[in-house]
Amino acid sequence: MNITAIYPGTFDPVTNGHIDIIARAARIYHKVIVAVAVNRNKSPLFEVTQRVELLQQVTADFENVSIIGFDNLLVDCAKQQGANVILRGLRAISDFEYEFQLAGMNRRLSPDLETMFLTPAEQYEFISSSMIKEIARLGGDVSSFVPEIVQQQLFKKFNRG
């Protein structure tokens, strides 16, 4: 059975934890679509086009992974892309309640679309894009948390490189 998963997020910026989830999903699903949300409720550091480009660069080795931007309901985007599964990452128990609510709402909006959860590898459980931005803004070393190309872009944004 060919199952297509859609992995949505803001990815601002993409972290090694995100890439871990993408790599593992690429082994499980026939096709993985990483869907970069515009999300007007947040003030992203990188524009959606930049986030899509960074993800394309860091996932170039995965033949069954594609990257898109989206600015509509996730369930509508999933249908447009032919996805059968929404893939979500869970880092900690604190993520669970919010993700559980999202899964329930998405099921209500689109009963034929399943939500599956993956946890990141242990070394990435604590990484969040917000923390990475704060560390980079304050001049800290983020090299073990993000790919080199992302680190370079963070340095540019914060005039550090």
C-alpha atoms as a PDB file:
ATOM      1  CA  MET A   1       0.000   0.000   0.000  1.00  0.00           C
ATOM      2  CA  ASN A   2       1.366   3.400  -1.000  1.00  0.00           C
ATOM      3  CA  ILE A   3       0.873   5.753   1.904  1.00  0.00           C
ATOM      4  CA  THR A   4       1.685   9.433   1.623  1.00  0.00           C
ATOM      5  CA  ALA A   5       2.398  11.316   4.832  1.00  0.00           C
ATOM      6  CA  ILE A   6       2.305  15.061   5.260  1.00  0.00           C
ATOM      7  CA  TYR A   7       4.535  16.531   7.958  1.00  0.00           C
ATOM      8  CA  PRO A   8       3.397  20.094   8.691  1.00  0.00           C
ATOM      9  CA  GLY A   9       5.165  22.751  10.706  1.00  0.00           C
ATOM     10  CA  THR A  10       6.627  26.215  10.612  1.00  0.00           C
ATOM     11  CA  PHE A  11      10.218  24.896  10.576  1.00  0.00           C
ATOM     12  CA  ASP A  12      11.545  28.310  11.610  1.00  0.00           C
ATOM     13  CA  PRO A  13      14.279  27.153  11.405  1.00  0.00           C
ATOM     14  CA  VAL A  14      14.485  23.476  10.553  1.00  0.00           C
ATOM     15  CA  THR A  15      16.401  21.589  13.259  1.00  0.00           C
ATOM     16  CA  ASN A  16      18.196  18.263  13.461  1.00  0.00           C
ATOM     17  CA  GLY A  17      15.143  17.001  15.357  1.00  0.00           C
ATOM     18  CA  HIS A  18      12.922  17.813  12.354  1.00  0.00           C
ATOM     19  CA  ILE A  19      15.388  16.099  10.028  1.00  0.00           C
ATOM     20  CA  ASP A  20      15.414  13.031  12.277  1.00  0.00           C
ATOM     21  CA  ILE A  21      11.613  12.794  11.987  1.00  0.00           C
ATOM     22  CA  ILE A  22      11.774  13.325   8.207  1.00  0.00           C
ATOM     23  CA  ALA A  23      14.462  10.646   7.766  1.00  0.00           C
ATOM     24  CA  ARG A  24      12.537   8.097   9.798  1.00  0.00           C
ATOM     25  CA  ALA A  25       9.265   8.937   8.057  1.00  0.00           C
ATOM     26  CA  ALA A  26      10.992   8.513   4.675  1.00  0.00           C
ATOM     27  CA  ARG A  27      11.767   4.909   5.655  1.00  0.00           C
ATOM     28  CA  ILE A  28       8.178   4.227   6.719  1.00  0.00           C
ATOM     29  CA  TYR A  29       6.055   5.979   4.096  1.00  0.00           C
ATOM     30  CA  HIS A  30       6.028   5.740   0.325  1.00  0.00           C
ATOM     31  CA  LYS A  31       6.075   9.531   0.060  1.00  0.00           C
ATOM     32  CA  VAL A  32       6.632  12.281   2.646  1.00  0.00           C
ATOM     33  CA  ILE A  33       5.511  15.841   2.016  1.00  0.00           C
ATOM     34  CA  VAL A  34       7.017  18.391   4.367  1.00  0.00           C
ATOM     35  CA  ALA A  35       4.486  21.205   4.463  1.00  0.00           C
ATOM     36  CA  VAL A  36       5.847  24.559   5.618  1.00  0.00           C
ATOM     37  CA  ALA A  37       3.101  26.660   7.167  1.00  0.00           C
ATOM     38  CA  VAL A  38       2.898  30.388   6.628  1.00  0.00           C
ATOM     39  CA  ASN A  39       1.237  30.720  10.083  1.00  0.00           C
ATOM     40  CA  ARG A  40       0.207  34.331  10.477  1.00  0.00           C
ATOM     41  CA  ASN A  41      -0.128  33.862  14.273  1.00  0.00           C
ATOM     42  CA  LYS A  42       3.640  33.687  14.610  1.00  0.00           C
ATOM     43  CA  SER A  43       6.324  36.155  13.590  1.00  0.00           C
ATOM     44  CA  PRO A  44       8.754  33.926  11.734  1.00  0.00           C
ATOM     45  CA  LEU A  45      12.444  34.769  11.498  1.00  0.00           C
ATOM     46  CA  PHE A  46      12.598  33.348   7.960  1.00  0.00           C
ATOM     47  CA  GLU A  47      10.065  33.921   5.189  1.00  0.00           C
ATOM     48  CA  VAL A  48       8.201  30.826   4.031  1.00  0.00           C
ATOM     49  CA  THR A  49      10.194  30.733   0.767  1.00  0.00           C
ATOM     50  CA  GLN A  50      13.461  30.704   2.740  1.00  0.00           C
ATOM     51  CA  ARG A  51      12.198  27.921   5.003  1.00  0.00           C
ATOM     52  CA  VAL A  52      11.129  25.864   1.969  1.00  0.00           C
ATOM     53  CA  GLU A  53      14.554  26.393   0.343  1.00  0.00           C
ATOM     54  CA  LEU A  54      16.448  25.408   3.499  1.00  0.00           C
ATOM     55  CA  LEU A  55      14.355  22.255   3.843  1.00  0.00           C
ATOM     56  CA  GLN A  56      14.907  21.396   0.180  1.00  0.00           C
ATOM     57  CA  GLN A  57      18.650  21.681   0.712  1.00  0.00           C
ATOM     58  CA  VAL A  58      18.801  19.603   3.887  1.00  0.00           C
ATOM     59  CA  THR A  59      16.504  16.867   2.557  1.00  0.00           C
ATOM     60  CA  ALA A  60      17.983  16.640  -0.950  1.00  0.00           C
ATOM     61  CA  ASP A  61      19.241  13.089  -0.299  1.00  0.00           C
ATOM     62  CA  PHE A  62      15.743  11.744   0.407  1.00  0.00           C
ATOM     63  CA  GLU A  63      14.232  10.661  -2.910  1.00  0.00           C
ATOM     64  CA  ASN A  64      10.697  10.289  -1.531  1.00  0.00           C
ATOM     65  CA  VAL A  65      10.549  13.621   0.304  1.00  0.00           C
ATOM     66  CA  SER A  66       9.148  16.806  -1.186  1.00  0.00           C
ATOM     67  CA  ILE A  67       8.807  20.262   0.344  1.00  0.00           C
ATOM     68  CA  ILE A  68       5.893  22.649  -0.124  1.00  0.00           C
ATOM     69  CA  GLY A  69       4.639  25.844   1.462  1.00  0.00           C
ATOM     70  CA  PHE A  70       0.988  26.163   2.429  1.00  0.00           C
ATOM     71  CA  ASP A  71      -1.398  28.820   3.680  1.00  0.00           C
ATOM     72  CA  ASN A  72      -4.693  26.991   4.100  1.00  0.00           C
ATOM     73  CA  LEU A  73      -6.225  24.405   6.411  1.00  0.00           C
ATOM     74  CA  LEU A  74      -3.885  21.463   6.867  1.00  0.00           C
ATOM     75  CA  VAL A  75      -6.642  18.947   6.047  1.00  0.00           C
ATOM     76  CA  ASP A  76      -7.313  20.783   2.765  1.00  0.00           C
ATOM     77  CA  CYS A  77      -3.603  20.873   1.940  1.00  0.00           C
ATOM     78  CA  ALA A  78      -3.342  17.155   2.746  1.00  0.00           C
ATOM     79  CA  LYS A  79      -6.244  16.354   0.416  1.00  0.00           C
ATOM     80  CA  GLN A  80      -4.744  18.492  -2.372  1.00  0.00           C
ATOM     81  CA  GLN A  81      -1.450  16.610  -1.994  1.00  0.00           C
ATOM     82  CA  GLY A  82      -3.082  13.163  -1.840  1.00  0.00           C
ATOM     83  CA  ALA A  83      -1.832  12.519   1.711  1.00  0.00           C
ATOM     84  CA  ASN A  84      -3.365   9.717   3.794  1.00  0.00           C
ATOM     85  CA  VAL A  85      -1.562  10.515   7.039  1.00  0.00           C
ATOM     86  CA  ILE A  86      -0.688  13.629   9.002  1.00  0.00           C
ATOM     87  CA  LEU A  87       2.649  13.118  10.686  1.00  0.00           C
ATOM     88  CA  ARG A  88       3.416  14.995  13.909  1.00  0.00           C
ATOM     89  CA  GLY A  89       6.453  14.968  16.136  1.00  0.00           C
ATOM     90  CA  LEU A  90       6.164  14.698  19.909  1.00  0.00           C
ATOM     91  CA  ARG A  91       9.164  15.877  21.910  1.00  0.00           C
ATOM     92  CA  ALA A  92       7.826  15.838  25.440  1.00  0.00           C
ATOM     93  CA  ILE A  93       4.681  15.154  27.408  1.00  0.00           C
ATOM     94  CA  SER A  94       3.976  18.897  27.249  1.00  0.00           C
ATOM     95  CA  ASP A  95       3.478  18.572  23.457  1.00  0.00           C
ATOM     96  CA  PHE A  96       0.940  15.785  23.852  1.00  0.00           C
ATOM     97  CA  GLU A  97      -2.119  17.742  24.987  1.00  0.00           C
ATOM     98  CA  TYR A  98      -1.884  20.277  22.163  1.00  0.00           C
ATOM     99  CA  GLU A  99      -1.136  17.602  19.560  1.00  0.00           C
ATOM    100  CA  PHE A 100      -3.998  15.444  20.864  1.00  0.00           C
ATOM    101  CA  GLN A 101      -6.398  18.377  20.422  1.00  0.00           C
ATOM    102  CA  LEU A 102      -5.098  19.052  16.912  1.00  0.00           C
ATOM    103  CA  ALA A 103      -5.457  15.387  15.956  1.00  0.00           C
ATOM    104  CA  GLY A 104      -9.044  15.358  17.213  1.00  0.00           C
ATOM    105  CA  MET A 105      -9.949  18.521  15.304  1.00  0.00           C
ATOM    106  CA  ASN A 106      -8.297  17.255  12.111  1.00  0.00           C
ATOM    107  CA  ARG A 107     -10.158  13.932  12.458  1.00  0.00           C
ATOM    108  CA  ARG A 108     -13.412  15.854  12.827  1.00  0.00           C
ATOM    109  CA  LEU A 109     -12.656  17.964   9.744  1.00  0.00           C
ATOM    110  CA  SER A 110     -11.441  15.011   7.670  1.00  0.00           C
ATOM    111  CA  PRO A 111     -12.334  11.568   9.122  1.00  0.00           C
ATOM    112  CA  ASP A 112     -10.391   9.688   6.432  1.00  0.00           C
ATOM    113  CA  LEU A 113      -7.102  11.392   7.322  1.00  0.00           C
ATOM    114  CA  GLU A 114      -5.168   9.672  10.125  1.00  0.00           C
ATOM    115  CA  THR A 115      -2.680  11.357  12.450  1.00  0.00           C
ATOM    116  CA  MET A 116       0.467   9.475  13.409  1.00  0.00           C
ATOM    117  CA  PHE A 117       3.033  10.577  15.966  1.00  0.00           C
ATOM    118  CA  LEU A 118       6.782  10.051  15.947  1.00  0.00           C
ATOM    119  CA  THR A 119       9.146  10.950  18.730  1.00  0.00           C
ATOM    120  CA  PRO A 120      12.592  12.264  17.847  1.00  0.00           C
ATOM    121  CA  ALA A 121      15.761  10.422  18.738  1.00  0.00           C
ATOM    122  CA  GLU A 122      16.777  10.968  22.346  1.00  0.00           C
ATOM    123  CA  GLN A 123      19.482  13.526  21.539  1.00  0.00           C
ATOM    124  CA  TYR A 124      16.883  15.784  19.851  1.00  0.00           C
ATOM    125  CA  GLU A 125      14.044  15.588  22.385  1.00  0.00           C
ATOM    126  CA  PHE A 126      14.786  18.991  23.912  1.00  0.00           C
ATOM    127  CA  ILE A 127      15.439  20.949  20.710  1.00  0.00           C
ATOM    128  CA  SER A 128      12.915  23.550  19.623  1.00  0.00           C
ATOM    129  CA  SER A 129      13.148  26.159  16.890  1.00  0.00           C
ATOM    130  CA  SER A 130      12.381  28.909  19.436  1.00  0.00           C
ATOM    131  CA  MET A 131      15.322  27.881  21.607  1.00  0.00           C
ATOM    132  CA  ILE A 132      17.620  27.690  18.592  1.00  0.00           C
ATOM    133  CA  LYS A 133      16.686  31.226  17.527  1.00  0.00           C
ATOM    134  CA  GLU A 134      17.292  32.561  21.035  1.00  0.00           C
ATOM    135  CA  ILE A 135      20.672  30.851  21.353  1.00  0.00           C
ATOM    136  CA  ALA A 136      21.724  32.131  17.914  1.00  0.00           C
ATOM    137  CA  ARG A 137      20.447  35.648  18.671  1.00  0.00           C
ATOM    138  CA  LEU A 138      22.597  35.726  21.802  1.00  0.00           C
ATOM    139  CA  GLY A 139      25.666  34.471  19.919  1.00  0.00           C
ATOM    140  CA  GLY A 140      25.625  30.882  21.192  1.00  0.00           C
ATOM    141  CA  ASP A 141      26.777  27.791  19.331  1.00  0.00           C
ATOM    142  CA  VAL A 142      23.893  26.039  17.573  1.00  0.00           C
ATOM    143  CA  SER A 143      26.051  23.745  15.425  1.00  0.00           C
ATOM    144  CA  SER A 144      24.898  20.560  17.159  1.00  0.00           C
ATOM    145  CA  PHE A 145      21.214  21.471  16.808  1.00  0.00           C
ATOM    146  CA  VAL A 146      20.867  22.500  13.145  1.00  0.00           C
ATOM    147  CA  PRO A 147      22.479  21.670   9.791  1.00  0.00           C
ATOM    148  CA  GLU A 148      25.435  23.869   8.807  1.00  0.00           C
ATOM    149  CA  ILE A 149      23.453  25.733   6.114  1.00  0.00           C
ATOM    150  CA  VAL A 150      20.836  26.665   8.719  1.00  0.00           C
ATOM    151  CA  GLN A 151      23.527  27.798  11.147  1.00  0.00           C
ATOM    152  CA  GLN A 152      24.980  30.043   8.414  1.00  0.00           C
ATOM    153  CA  GLN A 153      21.563  31.579   7.720  1.00  0.00           C
ATOM    154  CA  LEU A 154      20.991  32.186  11.444  1.00  0.00           C
ATOM    155  CA  PHE A 155      24.369  33.930  11.671  1.00  0.00           C
ATOM    156  CA  LYS A 156      23.391  36.145   8.726  1.00  0.00           C
ATOM    157  CA  LYS A 157      20.052  37.021  10.309  1.00  0.00           C
ATOM    158  CA  PHE A 158      21.695  38.010  13.574  1.00  0.00           C
ATOM    159  CA  ASN A 159      24.762  39.651  11.952  1.00  0.00           C
ATOM    160  CA  ARG A 160      27.130  37.111  13.477  1.00  0.00           C
ATOM    161  CA  GLY A 161      28.840  35.633  10.459  1.00  0.00           C
END
